[in-house]
PDB file of N, CA and C in Angstrom:
ATOM      1  N   UNK A   1       0.848  -1.183   0.000  1.00  0.00           N
ATOM      2  CA  UNK A   1       0.000   0.000   0.000  1.00  0.00           C
ATOM      3  C   UNK A   1       0.889   1.241   0.000  1.00  0.00           C
ATOM      4  N   UNK A   2       0.502   2.252  -0.746  1.00  0.00           N
ATOM      5  CA  UNK A   2       1.238   3.504  -0.812  1.00  0.00           C
ATOM      6  C   UNK A   2       1.014   4.308   0.457  1.00  0.00           C
ATOM      7  N   UNK A   3       2.090   4.805   1.048  1.00  0.00           N
ATOM      8  CA  UNK A   3       2.002   5.640   2.250  1.00  0.00           C
ATOM      9  C   UNK A   3       1.530   7.034   1.848  1.00  0.00           C
ATOM     10  N   UNK A   4       0.525   7.534   2.514  1.00  0.00           N
ATOM     11  CA  UNK A   4       0.025   8.879   2.239  1.00  0.00           C
ATOM     12  C   UNK A   4       0.761   9.892   3.083  1.00  0.00           C
ATOM     13  N   UNK A   5       0.908  11.109   2.562  1.00  0.00           N
ATOM     14  CA  UNK A   5       1.483  12.210   3.324  1.00  0.00           C
ATOM     15  C   UNK A   5       0.586  13.425   3.131  1.00  0.00           C
ATOM     16  N   UNK A   6       0.562  14.292   4.108  1.00  0.00           N
ATOM     17  CA  UNK A   6      -0.226  15.516   3.989  1.00  0.00           C
ATOM     18  C   UNK A   6       0.474  16.423   2.990  1.00  0.00           C
ATOM     19  N   UNK A   7      -0.230  16.818   1.946  1.00  0.00           N
ATOM     20  CA  UNK A   7       0.330  17.686   0.914  1.00  0.00           C
ATOM     21  C   UNK A   7       0.004  19.151   1.189  1.00  0.00           C
ATOM     22  N   UNK A   8      -1.203  19.398   1.718  1.00  0.00           N
ATOM     23  CA  UNK A   8      -1.596  20.769   2.015  1.00  0.00           C
ATOM     24  C   UNK A   8      -2.730  20.787   3.029  1.00  0.00           C
ATOM     25  N   UNK A   9      -2.892  21.937   3.654  1.00  0.00           N
ATOM     26  CA  UNK A   9      -3.962  22.170   4.615  1.00  0.00           C
ATOM     27  C   UNK A   9      -4.594  23.510   4.256  1.00  0.00           C
ATOM     28  N   UNK A  10      -5.914  23.551   4.154  1.00  0.00           N
ATOM     29  CA  UNK A  10      -6.633  24.806   3.899  1.00  0.00           C
ATOM     30  C   UNK A  10      -7.401  25.208   5.149  1.00  0.00           C
ATOM     31  N   UNK A  11      -7.365  26.479   5.481  1.00  0.00           N
ATOM     32  CA  UNK A  11      -8.085  27.018   6.632  1.00  0.00           C
ATOM     33  C   UNK A  11      -9.096  28.042   6.136  1.00  0.00           C
ATOM     34  N   UNK A  12     -10.337  27.934   6.606  1.00  0.00           N
ATOM     35  CA  UNK A  12     -11.400  28.850   6.203  1.00  0.00           C
ATOM     36  C   UNK A  12     -11.253  30.191   6.915  1.00  0.00           C
ATOM     37  N   UNK A  13     -11.362  31.273   6.152  1.00  0.00           N
ATOM     38  CA  UNK A  13     -11.286  32.634   6.689  1.00  0.00           C
ATOM     39  C   UNK A  13     -12.430  33.463   6.114  1.00  0.00           C
ATOM     40  N   UNK A  14     -12.801  34.525   6.796  1.00  0.00           N
ATOM     41  CA  UNK A  14     -13.881  35.373   6.304  1.00  0.00           C
ATOM     42  C   UNK A  14     -13.382  36.482   5.394  1.00  0.00           C
ATOM     43  N   UNK A  15     -12.148  36.924   5.580  1.00  0.00           N
ATOM     44  CA  UNK A  15     -11.582  38.042   4.814  1.00  0.00           C
ATOM     45  C   UNK A  15     -10.200  37.634   4.323  1.00  0.00           C
ATOM     46  N   UNK A  16     -10.086  37.353   3.030  1.00  0.00           N
ATOM     47  CA  UNK A  16      -8.830  36.844   2.478  1.00  0.00           C
ATOM     48  C   UNK A  16      -7.688  37.834   2.642  1.00  0.00           C
ATOM     49  N   UNK A  17      -7.903  39.097   2.310  1.00  0.00           N
ATOM     50  CA  UNK A  17      -6.826  40.091   2.407  1.00  0.00           C
ATOM     51  C   UNK A  17      -6.315  40.219   3.839  1.00  0.00           C
ATOM     52  N   UNK A  18      -7.227  40.222   4.800  1.00  0.00           N
ATOM     53  CA  UNK A  18      -6.840  40.314   6.213  1.00  0.00           C
ATOM     54  C   UNK A  18      -6.038  39.079   6.623  1.00  0.00           C
ATOM     55  N   UNK A  19      -6.457  37.900   6.177  1.00  0.00           N
ATOM     56  CA  UNK A  19      -5.746  36.667   6.510  1.00  0.00           C
ATOM     57  C   UNK A  19      -4.354  36.653   5.889  1.00  0.00           C
ATOM     58  N   UNK A  20      -4.249  37.089   4.628  1.00  0.00           N
ATOM     59  CA  UNK A  20      -2.942  37.142   3.970  1.00  0.00           C
ATOM     60  C   UNK A  20      -2.015  38.077   4.738  1.00  0.00           C
ATOM     61  N   UNK A  21      -2.510  39.241   5.105  1.00  0.00           N
ATOM     62  CA  UNK A  21      -1.689  40.196   5.855  1.00  0.00           C
ATOM     63  C   UNK A  21      -1.242  39.595   7.191  1.00  0.00           C
ATOM     64  N   UNK A  22      -2.145  38.910   7.886  1.00  0.00           N
ATOM     65  CA  UNK A  22      -1.807  38.306   9.170  1.00  0.00           C
ATOM     66  C   UNK A  22      -0.704  37.259   9.019  1.00  0.00           C
ATOM     67  N   UNK A  23      -0.912  36.281   8.147  1.00  0.00           N
ATOM     68  CA  UNK A  23       0.051  35.189   8.031  1.00  0.00           C
ATOM     69  C   UNK A  23       1.361  35.628   7.382  1.00  0.00           C
ATOM     70  N   UNK A  24       1.316  36.617   6.508  1.00  0.00           N
ATOM     71  CA  UNK A  24       2.532  37.103   5.869  1.00  0.00           C
ATOM     72  C   UNK A  24       3.271  38.088   6.766  1.00  0.00           C
ATOM     73  N   UNK A  25       2.585  39.104   7.259  1.00  0.00           N
ATOM     74  CA  UNK A  25       3.242  40.191   7.983  1.00  0.00           C
ATOM     75  C   UNK A  25       3.472  39.891   9.459  1.00  0.00           C
ATOM     76  N   UNK A  26       2.555  39.198  10.098  1.00  0.00           N
ATOM     77  CA  UNK A  26       2.697  38.939  11.533  1.00  0.00           C
ATOM     78  C   UNK A  26       3.332  37.591  11.836  1.00  0.00           C
ATOM     79  N   UNK A  27       2.845  36.536  11.173  1.00  0.00           N
ATOM     80  CA  UNK A  27       3.397  35.205  11.427  1.00  0.00           C
ATOM     81  C   UNK A  27       4.717  35.019  10.680  1.00  0.00           C
ATOM     82  N   UNK A  28       4.860  35.657   9.524  1.00  0.00           N
ATOM     83  CA  UNK A  28       6.122  35.605   8.786  1.00  0.00           C
ATOM     84  C   UNK A  28       6.206  34.538   7.720  1.00  0.00           C
ATOM     85  N   UNK A  29       5.054  34.030   7.242  1.00  0.00           N
ATOM     86  CA  UNK A  29       5.079  33.045   6.171  1.00  0.00           C
ATOM     87  C   UNK A  29       5.244  33.742   4.823  1.00  0.00           C
ATOM     88  N   UNK A  30       6.014  33.125   3.927  1.00  0.00           N
ATOM     89  CA  UNK A  30       6.212  33.677   2.588  1.00  0.00           C
ATOM     90  C   UNK A  30       4.998  33.345   1.717  1.00  0.00           C
ATOM     91  N   UNK A  31       4.431  34.352   1.073  1.00  0.00           N
ATOM     92  CA  UNK A  31       3.267  34.169   0.202  1.00  0.00           C
ATOM     93  C   UNK A  31       3.714  33.587  -1.131  1.00  0.00           C
ATOM     94  N   UNK A  32       3.088  32.474  -1.537  1.00  0.00           N
ATOM     95  CA  UNK A  32       3.397  31.848  -2.820  1.00  0.00           C
ATOM     96  C   UNK A  32       2.407  32.273  -3.897  1.00  0.00           C
ATOM     97  N   UNK A  33       1.117  32.426  -3.535  1.00  0.00           N
ATOM     98  CA  UNK A  33       0.075  32.693  -4.518  1.00  0.00           C
ATOM     99  C   UNK A  33      -1.126  33.294  -3.808  1.00  0.00           C
ATOM    100  N   UNK A  34      -1.770  34.267  -4.438  1.00  0.00           N
ATOM    101  CA  UNK A  34      -3.000  34.825  -3.882  1.00  0.00           C
ATOM    102  C   UNK A  34      -3.895  35.293  -5.022  1.00  0.00           C
ATOM    103  N   UNK A  35      -5.181  34.966  -4.938  1.00  0.00           N
ATOM    104  CA  UNK A  35      -6.161  35.395  -5.927  1.00  0.00           C
ATOM    105  C   UNK A  35      -7.426  35.809  -5.184  1.00  0.00           C
ATOM    106  N   UNK A  36      -7.637  37.103  -5.073  1.00  0.00           N
ATOM    107  CA  UNK A  36      -8.781  37.629  -4.325  1.00  0.00           C
ATOM    108  C   UNK A  36     -10.104  37.184  -4.939  1.00  0.00           C
ATOM    109  N   UNK A  37     -10.206  37.181  -6.275  1.00  0.00           N
ATOM    110  CA  UNK A  37     -11.463  36.772  -6.921  1.00  0.00           C
ATOM    111  C   UNK A  37     -11.795  35.316  -6.619  1.00  0.00           C
ATOM    112  N   UNK A  38     -10.791  34.465  -6.624  1.00  0.00           N
ATOM    113  CA  UNK A  38     -10.979  33.046  -6.341  1.00  0.00           C
ATOM    114  C   UNK A  38     -11.120  32.799  -4.840  1.00  0.00           C
ATOM    115  N   UNK A  39     -10.580  33.710  -4.025  1.00  0.00           N
ATOM    116  CA  UNK A  39     -10.687  33.591  -2.569  1.00  0.00           C
ATOM    117  C   UNK A  39      -9.725  32.594  -1.974  1.00  0.00           C
ATOM    118  N   UNK A  40      -8.478  32.595  -2.496  1.00  0.00           N
ATOM    119  CA  UNK A  40      -7.511  31.582  -2.075  1.00  0.00           C
ATOM    120  C   UNK A  40      -6.111  32.169  -2.063  1.00  0.00           C
ATOM    121  N   UNK A  41      -5.326  31.809  -1.042  1.00  0.00           N
ATOM    122  CA  UNK A  41      -3.925  32.221  -0.971  1.00  0.00           C
ATOM    123  C   UNK A  41      -3.126  31.085  -0.359  1.00  0.00           C
ATOM    124  N   UNK A  42      -1.929  30.863  -0.892  1.00  0.00           N
ATOM    125  CA  UNK A  42      -1.070  29.783  -0.421  1.00  0.00           C
ATOM    126  C   UNK A  42       0.262  30.350   0.050  1.00  0.00           C
ATOM    127  N   UNK A  43       0.805  29.746   1.118  1.00  0.00           N
ATOM    128  CA  UNK A  43       2.051  30.191   1.727  1.00  0.00           C
ATOM    129  C   UNK A  43       3.097  29.087   1.675  1.00  0.00           C
ATOM    130  N   UNK A  44       4.360  29.466   1.721  1.00  0.00           N
ATOM    131  CA  UNK A  44       5.470  28.523   1.778  1.00  0.00           C
ATOM    132  C   UNK A  44       5.774  28.231   3.247  1.00  0.00           C
ATOM    133  N   UNK A  45       5.641  26.972   3.643  1.00  0.00           N
ATOM    134  CA  UNK A  45       5.888  26.592   5.033  1.00  0.00           C
ATOM    135  C   UNK A  45       7.030  25.597   5.174  1.00  0.00           C
ATOM    136  N   UNK A  46       7.777  25.352   4.124  1.00  0.00           N
ATOM    137  CA  UNK A  46       8.899  24.410   4.140  1.00  0.00           C
ATOM    138  C   UNK A  46       8.444  23.009   4.527  1.00  0.00           C
ATOM    139  N   UNK A  47       7.238  22.656   4.200  1.00  0.00           N
ATOM    140  CA  UNK A  47       6.682  21.334   4.497  1.00  0.00           C
ATOM    141  C   UNK A  47       5.387  21.194   3.725  1.00  0.00           C
ATOM    142  N   UNK A  48       4.364  20.680   4.375  1.00  0.00           N
ATOM    143  CA  UNK A  48       3.058  20.584   3.744  1.00  0.00           C
ATOM    144  C   UNK A  48       2.574  21.991   3.391  1.00  0.00           C
ATOM    145  N   UNK A  49       1.906  22.128   2.273  1.00  0.00           N
ATOM    146  CA  UNK A  49       1.381  23.428   1.869  1.00  0.00           C
ATOM    147  C   UNK A  49       0.349  23.938   2.865  1.00  0.00           C
ATOM    148  N   UNK A  50       0.319  25.240   3.064  1.00  0.00           N
ATOM    149  CA  UNK A  50      -0.645  25.875   3.966  1.00  0.00           C
ATOM    150  C   UNK A  50      -1.347  26.971   3.189  1.00  0.00           C
ATOM    151  N   UNK A  51      -2.667  26.963   3.204  1.00  0.00           N
ATOM    152  CA  UNK A  51      -3.428  27.946   2.439  1.00  0.00           C
ATOM    153  C   UNK A  51      -4.631  28.423   3.235  1.00  0.00           C
ATOM    154  N   UNK A  52      -5.117  29.611   2.879  1.00  0.00           N
ATOM    155  CA  UNK A  52      -6.356  30.129   3.431  1.00  0.00           C
ATOM    156  C   UNK A  52      -7.350  30.260   2.278  1.00  0.00           C
ATOM    157  N   UNK A  53      -8.595  29.915   2.556  1.00  0.00           N
ATOM    158  CA  UNK A  53      -9.649  29.971   1.557  1.00  0.00           C
ATOM    159  C   UNK A  53     -10.832  30.736   2.129  1.00  0.00           C
ATOM    160  N   UNK A  54     -11.321  31.701   1.375  1.00  0.00           N
ATOM    161  CA  UNK A  54     -12.454  32.495   1.844  1.00  0.00           C
ATOM    162  C   UNK A  54     -13.690  31.603   1.953  1.00  0.00           C
ATOM    163  N   UNK A  55     -14.204  31.458   3.172  1.00  0.00           N
ATOM    164  CA  UNK A  55     -15.396  30.664   3.461  1.00  0.00           C
ATOM    165  C   UNK A  55     -15.937  31.142   4.802  1.00  0.00           C
ATOM    166  N   UNK A  56     -16.606  32.306   4.815  1.00  0.00           N
ATOM    167  CA  UNK A  56     -17.051  32.919   6.075  1.00  0.00           C
ATOM    168  C   UNK A  56     -17.895  32.009   6.967  1.00  0.00           C
ATOM    169  N   UNK A  57     -18.640  31.082   6.384  1.00  0.00           N
ATOM    170  CA  UNK A  57     -19.496  30.209   7.191  1.00  0.00           C
ATOM    171  C   UNK A  57     -18.703  29.204   8.021  1.00  0.00           C
ATOM    172  N   UNK A  58     -17.469  28.903   7.614  1.00  0.00           N
ATOM    173  CA  UNK A  58     -16.659  27.929   8.339  1.00  0.00           C
ATOM    174  C   UNK A  58     -15.486  28.560   9.072  1.00  0.00           C
ATOM    175  N   UNK A  59     -15.299  29.854   8.975  1.00  0.00           N
ATOM    176  CA  UNK A  59     -14.170  30.530   9.620  1.00  0.00           C
ATOM    177  C   UNK A  59     -14.342  30.549  11.140  1.00  0.00           C
ATOM    178  N   UNK A  60     -13.203  30.586  11.856  1.00  0.00           N
ATOM    179  CA  UNK A  60     -13.229  30.750  13.309  1.00  0.00           C
ATOM    180  C   UNK A  60     -13.332  29.462  14.082  1.00  0.00           C
ATOM    181  N   UNK A  61     -12.550  28.480  13.705  1.00  0.00           N
ATOM    182  CA  UNK A  61     -12.608  27.179  14.368  1.00  0.00           C
ATOM    183  C   UNK A  61     -11.231  26.747  14.861  1.00  0.00           C
ATOM    184  N   UNK A  62     -11.263  25.738  15.710  1.00  0.00           N
ATOM    185  CA  UNK A  62     -10.026  25.085  16.148  1.00  0.00           C
ATOM    186  C   UNK A  62      -9.529  24.242  14.975  1.00  0.00           C
ATOM    187  N   UNK A  63      -8.314  24.498  14.523  1.00  0.00           N
ATOM    188  CA  UNK A  63      -7.821  23.803  13.338  1.00  0.00           C
ATOM    189  C   UNK A  63      -7.062  22.528  13.649  1.00  0.00           C
ATOM    190  N   UNK A  64      -6.391  22.465  14.803  1.00  0.00           N
ATOM    191  CA  UNK A  64      -5.538  21.320  15.099  1.00  0.00           C
ATOM    192  C   UNK A  64      -4.234  21.353  14.319  1.00  0.00           C
ATOM    193  N   UNK A  65      -3.910  22.472  13.687  1.00  0.00           N
ATOM    194  CA  UNK A  65      -2.700  22.611  12.883  1.00  0.00           C
ATOM    195  C   UNK A  65      -1.579  23.142  13.764  1.00  0.00           C
ATOM    196  N   UNK A  66      -0.428  22.490  13.700  1.00  0.00           N
ATOM    197  CA  UNK A  66       0.723  22.915  14.478  1.00  0.00           C
ATOM    198  C   UNK A  66       1.866  23.376  13.592  1.00  0.00           C
ATOM    199  N   UNK A  67       2.455  24.515  13.928  1.00  0.00           N
ATOM    200  CA  UNK A  67       3.656  25.013  13.261  1.00  0.00           C
ATOM    201  C   UNK A  67       4.842  24.675  14.159  1.00  0.00           C
ATOM    202  N   UNK A  68       5.865  24.036  13.589  1.00  0.00           N
ATOM    203  CA  UNK A  68       7.031  23.614  14.347  1.00  0.00           C
ATOM    204  C   UNK A  68       8.095  24.708  14.371  1.00  0.00           C
ATOM    205  N   UNK A  69       8.689  24.913  15.540  1.00  0.00           N
ATOM    206  CA  UNK A  69       9.807  25.842  15.704  1.00  0.00           C
ATOM    207  C   UNK A  69      10.869  25.171  16.566  1.00  0.00           C
ATOM    208  N   UNK A  70      12.117  25.592  16.397  1.00  0.00           N
ATOM    209  CA  UNK A  70      13.190  25.028  17.217  1.00  0.00           C
ATOM    210  C   UNK A  70      13.291  25.724  18.569  1.00  0.00           C
ATOM    211  N   UNK A  71      12.901  27.007  18.646  1.00  0.00           N
ATOM    212  CA  UNK A  71      12.988  27.783  19.883  1.00  0.00           C
ATOM    213  C   UNK A  71      11.645  28.472  20.115  1.00  0.00           C
ATOM    214  N   UNK A  72      10.798  27.828  20.899  1.00  0.00           N
ATOM    215  CA  UNK A  72       9.446  28.341  21.136  1.00  0.00           C
ATOM    216  C   UNK A  72       9.458  29.699  21.813  1.00  0.00           C
ATOM    217  N   UNK A  73      10.315  29.888  22.797  1.00  0.00           N
ATOM    218  CA  UNK A  73      10.332  31.169  23.506  1.00  0.00           C
ATOM    219  C   UNK A  73      10.673  32.323  22.565  1.00  0.00           C
ATOM    220  N   UNK A  74      11.654  32.119  21.692  1.00  0.00           N
ATOM    221  CA  UNK A  74      12.031  33.166  20.732  1.00  0.00           C
ATOM    222  C   UNK A  74      10.914  33.407  19.728  1.00  0.00           C
ATOM    223  N   UNK A  75      10.300  32.341  19.225  1.00  0.00           N
ATOM    224  CA  UNK A  75       9.207  32.485  18.263  1.00  0.00           C
ATOM    225  C   UNK A  75       8.006  33.171  18.908  1.00  0.00           C
ATOM    226  N   UNK A  76       7.689  32.794  20.129  1.00  0.00           N
ATOM    227  CA  UNK A  76       6.579  33.420  20.858  1.00  0.00           C
ATOM    228  C   UNK A  76       6.830  34.914  21.034  1.00  0.00           C
ATOM    229  N   UNK A  77       8.042  35.286  21.417  1.00  0.00           N
ATOM    230  CA  UNK A  77       8.379  36.705  21.606  1.00  0.00           C
ATOM    231  C   UNK A  77       8.256  37.467  20.288  1.00  0.00           C
ATOM    232  N   UNK A  78       8.783  36.893  19.197  1.00  0.00           N
ATOM    233  CA  UNK A  78       8.735  37.571  17.894  1.00  0.00           C
ATOM    234  C   UNK A  78       7.300  37.747  17.418  1.00  0.00           C
ATOM    235  N   UNK A  79       6.497  36.693  17.519  1.00  0.00           N
ATOM    236  CA  UNK A  79       5.111  36.782  17.064  1.00  0.00           C
ATOM    237  C   UNK A  79       4.287  37.708  17.954  1.00  0.00           C
ATOM    238  N   UNK A  80       4.514  37.676  19.247  1.00  0.00           N
ATOM    239  CA  UNK A  80       3.797  38.580  20.157  1.00  0.00           C
ATOM    240  C   UNK A  80       4.102  40.036  19.827  1.00  0.00           C
ATOM    241  N   UNK A  81       5.383  40.337  19.577  1.00  0.00           N
ATOM    242  CA  UNK A  81       5.773  41.698  19.195  1.00  0.00           C
ATOM    243  C   UNK A  81       5.134  42.117  17.878  1.00  0.00           C
ATOM    244  N   UNK A  82       4.871  41.147  17.002  1.00  0.00           N
ATOM    245  CA  UNK A  82       4.250  41.439  15.704  1.00  0.00           C
ATOM    246  C   UNK A  82       2.729  41.563  15.819  1.00  0.00           C
ATOM    247  N   UNK A  83       2.183  41.361  17.025  1.00  0.00           N
ATOM    248  CA  UNK A  83       0.747  41.530  17.231  1.00  0.00           C
ATOM    249  C   UNK A  83      -0.072  40.261  17.161  1.00  0.00           C
ATOM    250  N   UNK A  84       0.568  39.100  17.173  1.00  0.00           N
ATOM    251  CA  UNK A  84      -0.161  37.841  17.171  1.00  0.00           C
ATOM    252  C   UNK A  84      -0.717  37.602  18.575  1.00  0.00           C
ATOM    253  N   UNK A  85      -2.018  37.274  18.648  1.00  0.00           N
ATOM    254  CA  UNK A  85      -2.682  37.031  19.932  1.00  0.00           C
ATOM    255  C   UNK A  85      -2.510  35.574  20.343  1.00  0.00           C
ATOM    256  N   UNK A  86      -1.924  35.356  21.502  1.00  0.00           N
ATOM    257  CA  UNK A  86      -1.756  33.998  22.010  1.00  0.00           C
ATOM    258  C   UNK A  86      -2.852  33.685  23.014  1.00  0.00           C
ATOM    259  N   UNK A  87      -3.502  32.563  22.804  1.00  0.00           N
ATOM    260  CA  UNK A  87      -4.544  32.078  23.703  1.00  0.00           C
ATOM    261  C   UNK A  87      -3.911  31.357  24.878  1.00  0.00           C
ATOM    262  N   UNK A  88      -2.775  30.688  24.618  1.00  0.00           N
ATOM    263  CA  UNK A  88      -2.019  30.017  25.670  1.00  0.00           C
ATOM    264  C   UNK A  88      -0.541  30.336  25.452  1.00  0.00           C
ATOM    265  N   UNK A  89       0.126  30.832  26.483  1.00  0.00           N
ATOM    266  CA  UNK A  89       1.562  31.114  26.350  1.00  0.00           C
ATOM    267  C   UNK A  89       2.352  29.802  26.302  1.00  0.00           C
ATOM    268  N   UNK A  90       3.641  29.869  26.036  1.00  0.00           N
ATOM    269  CA  UNK A  90       4.444  28.645  26.047  1.00  0.00           C
ATOM    270  C   UNK A  90       4.247  27.873  27.354  1.00  0.00           C
ATOM    271  N   UNK A  91       3.908  26.610  27.213  1.00  0.00           N
ATOM    272  CA  UNK A  91       3.568  25.769  28.355  1.00  0.00           C
ATOM    273  C   UNK A  91       4.194  24.393  28.180  1.00  0.00           C
ATOM    274  N   UNK A  92       4.791  23.873  29.257  1.00  0.00           N
ATOM    275  CA  UNK A  92       5.284  22.497  29.251  1.00  0.00           C
ATOM    276  C   UNK A  92       4.086  21.593  29.504  1.00  0.00           C
ATOM    277  N   UNK A  93       3.817  20.709  28.570  1.00  0.00           N
ATOM    278  CA  UNK A  93       2.656  19.830  28.640  1.00  0.00           C
ATOM    279  C   UNK A  93       2.980  18.567  29.444  1.00  0.00           C
ATOM    280  N   UNK A  94       1.972  17.960  30.083  1.00  0.00           N
ATOM    281  CA  UNK A  94       2.203  16.751  30.878  1.00  0.00           C
ATOM    282  C   UNK A  94       2.769  15.596  30.061  1.00  0.00           C
ATOM    283  N   UNK A  95       2.500  15.590  28.759  1.00  0.00           N
ATOM    284  CA  UNK A  95       2.982  14.511  27.895  1.00  0.00           C
ATOM    285  C   UNK A  95       4.399  14.775  27.371  1.00  0.00           C
ATOM    286  N   UNK A  96       5.006  15.896  27.809  1.00  0.00           N
ATOM    287  CA  UNK A  96       6.395  16.167  27.459  1.00  0.00           C
ATOM    288  C   UNK A  96       6.612  17.242  26.421  1.00  0.00           C
ATOM    289  N   UNK A  97       5.566  17.676  25.771  1.00  0.00           N
ATOM    290  CA  UNK A  97       5.704  18.711  24.747  1.00  0.00           C
ATOM    291  C   UNK A  97       5.842  20.102  25.346  1.00  0.00           C
ATOM    292  N   UNK A  98       6.263  21.035  24.498  1.00  0.00           N
ATOM    293  CA  UNK A  98       6.373  22.450  24.883  1.00  0.00           C
ATOM    294  C   UNK A  98       5.722  23.231  23.765  1.00  0.00           C
ATOM    295  N   UNK A  99       4.593  23.885  24.057  1.00  0.00           N
ATOM    296  CA  UNK A  99       3.805  24.513  23.007  1.00  0.00           C
ATOM    297  C   UNK A  99       3.049  25.733  23.492  1.00  0.00           C
ATOM    298  N   UNK A 100       2.575  26.507  22.514  1.00  0.00           N
ATOM    299  CA  UNK A 100       1.717  27.666  22.750  1.00  0.00           C
ATOM    300  C   UNK A 100       0.597  27.587  21.716  1.00  0.00           C
ATOM    301  N   UNK A 101      -0.471  28.355  21.920  1.00  0.00           N
ATOM    302  CA  UNK A 101      -1.585  28.388  20.976  1.00  0.00           C
ATOM    303  C   UNK A 101      -1.885  29.842  20.635  1.00  0.00           C
ATOM    304  N   UNK A 102      -2.006  30.126  19.316  1.00  0.00           N
ATOM    305  CA  UNK A 102      -2.359  31.469  18.880  1.00  0.00           C
ATOM    306  C   UNK A 102      -3.581  31.437  17.977  1.00  0.00           C
ATOM    307  N   UNK A 103      -4.174  32.618  17.761  1.00  0.00           N
ATOM    308  CA  UNK A 103      -5.365  32.735  16.931  1.00  0.00           C
ATOM    309  C   UNK A 103      -5.126  33.731  15.802  1.00  0.00           C
ATOM    310  N   UNK A 104      -5.766  33.463  14.665  1.00  0.00           N
ATOM    311  CA  UNK A 104      -5.740  34.424  13.562  1.00  0.00           C
ATOM    312  C   UNK A 104      -6.896  35.410  13.754  1.00  0.00           C
ATOM    313  N   UNK A 105      -7.053  36.404  12.888  1.00  0.00           N
ATOM    314  CA  UNK A 105      -8.111  37.395  13.080  1.00  0.00           C
ATOM    315  C   UNK A 105      -9.532  36.825  13.069  1.00  0.00           C
ATOM    316  N   UNK A 106      -9.746  35.646  12.467  1.00  0.00           N
ATOM    317  CA  UNK A 106     -11.064  35.029  12.466  1.00  0.00           C
ATOM    318  C   UNK A 106     -11.316  34.179  13.704  1.00  0.00           C
ATOM    319  N   UNK A 107     -10.273  33.952  14.512  1.00  0.00           N
ATOM    320  CA  UNK A 107     -10.414  33.097  15.676  1.00  0.00           C
ATOM    321  C   UNK A 107     -10.015  31.660  15.420  1.00  0.00           C
ATOM    322  N   UNK A 108      -9.521  31.341  14.203  1.00  0.00           N
ATOM    323  CA  UNK A 108      -8.964  30.014  13.954  1.00  0.00           C
ATOM    324  C   UNK A 108      -7.745  29.864  14.858  1.00  0.00           C
ATOM    325  N   UNK A 109      -7.615  28.729  15.527  1.00  0.00           N
ATOM    326  CA  UNK A 109      -6.498  28.551  16.445  1.00  0.00           C
ATOM    327  C   UNK A 109      -5.451  27.597  15.877  1.00  0.00           C
ATOM    328  N   UNK A 110      -4.186  27.857  16.245  1.00  0.00           N
ATOM    329  CA  UNK A 110      -3.040  27.111  15.737  1.00  0.00           C
ATOM    330  C   UNK A 110      -2.069  26.839  16.883  1.00  0.00           C
ATOM    331  N   UNK A 111      -1.393  25.699  16.796  1.00  0.00           N
ATOM    332  CA  UNK A 111      -0.351  25.358  17.757  1.00  0.00           C
ATOM    333  C   UNK A 111       0.988  25.886  17.265  1.00  0.00           C
ATOM    334  N   UNK A 112       1.815  26.275  18.190  1.00  0.00           N
ATOM    335  CA  UNK A 112       3.209  26.597  17.920  1.00  0.00           C
ATOM    336  C   UNK A 112       3.995  25.656  18.817  1.00  0.00           C
ATOM    337  N   UNK A 113       4.645  24.651  18.222  1.00  0.00           N
ATOM    338  CA  UNK A 113       5.305  23.583  18.972  1.00  0.00           C
ATOM    339  C   UNK A 113       6.809  23.648  18.827  1.00  0.00           C
ATOM    340  N   UNK A 114       7.501  23.503  19.953  1.00  0.00           N
ATOM    341  CA  UNK A 114       8.950  23.380  19.902  1.00  0.00           C
ATOM    342  C   UNK A 114       9.268  21.931  19.553  1.00  0.00           C
ATOM    343  N   UNK A 115       9.807  21.744  18.356  1.00  0.00           N
ATOM    344  CA  UNK A 115      10.141  20.418  17.861  1.00  0.00           C
ATOM    345  C   UNK A 115      11.660  20.343  17.775  1.00  0.00           C
ATOM    346  N   UNK A 116      12.296  19.459  18.548  1.00  0.00           N
ATOM    347  CA  UNK A 116      13.751  19.356  18.478  1.00  0.00           C
ATOM    348  C   UNK A 116      14.202  18.948  17.077  1.00  0.00           C
ATOM    349  N   UNK A 117      15.320  19.510  16.633  1.00  0.00           N
ATOM    350  CA  UNK A 117      15.886  19.119  15.342  1.00  0.00           C
ATOM    351  C   UNK A 117      16.356  17.679  15.416  1.00  0.00           C
ATOM    352  N   UNK A 118      16.194  16.967  14.328  1.00  0.00           N
ATOM    353  CA  UNK A 118      16.623  15.551  14.279  1.00  0.00           C
ATOM    354  C   UNK A 118      18.119  15.433  14.294  1.00  0.00           C
TER     355      UNK A 118
END
């Protein structure tokens, strides 16, 4: 059987331009493609593709999507200074992880996880 891998993840947003500005200017993702008429924008995440799609009826949910960083404290400080709202600050989890949770302007939530380099 062929092993599947995640190729991309789309997150529903109510305002495409606002979402692009947030993920590009505040989170720091490089924009690969954006089409306002189509309601879609894709970012370079050095892994699985990450995109936002205009869909106001589904915007503002818990996504379960985690962004990996090598230094959570530094990433948290940089994103906080850029105006990213954190719902949970960096926290050592009982299962051994070290993570924080932030929200985009629609209220979609994302994990920021410290993942040790291999």
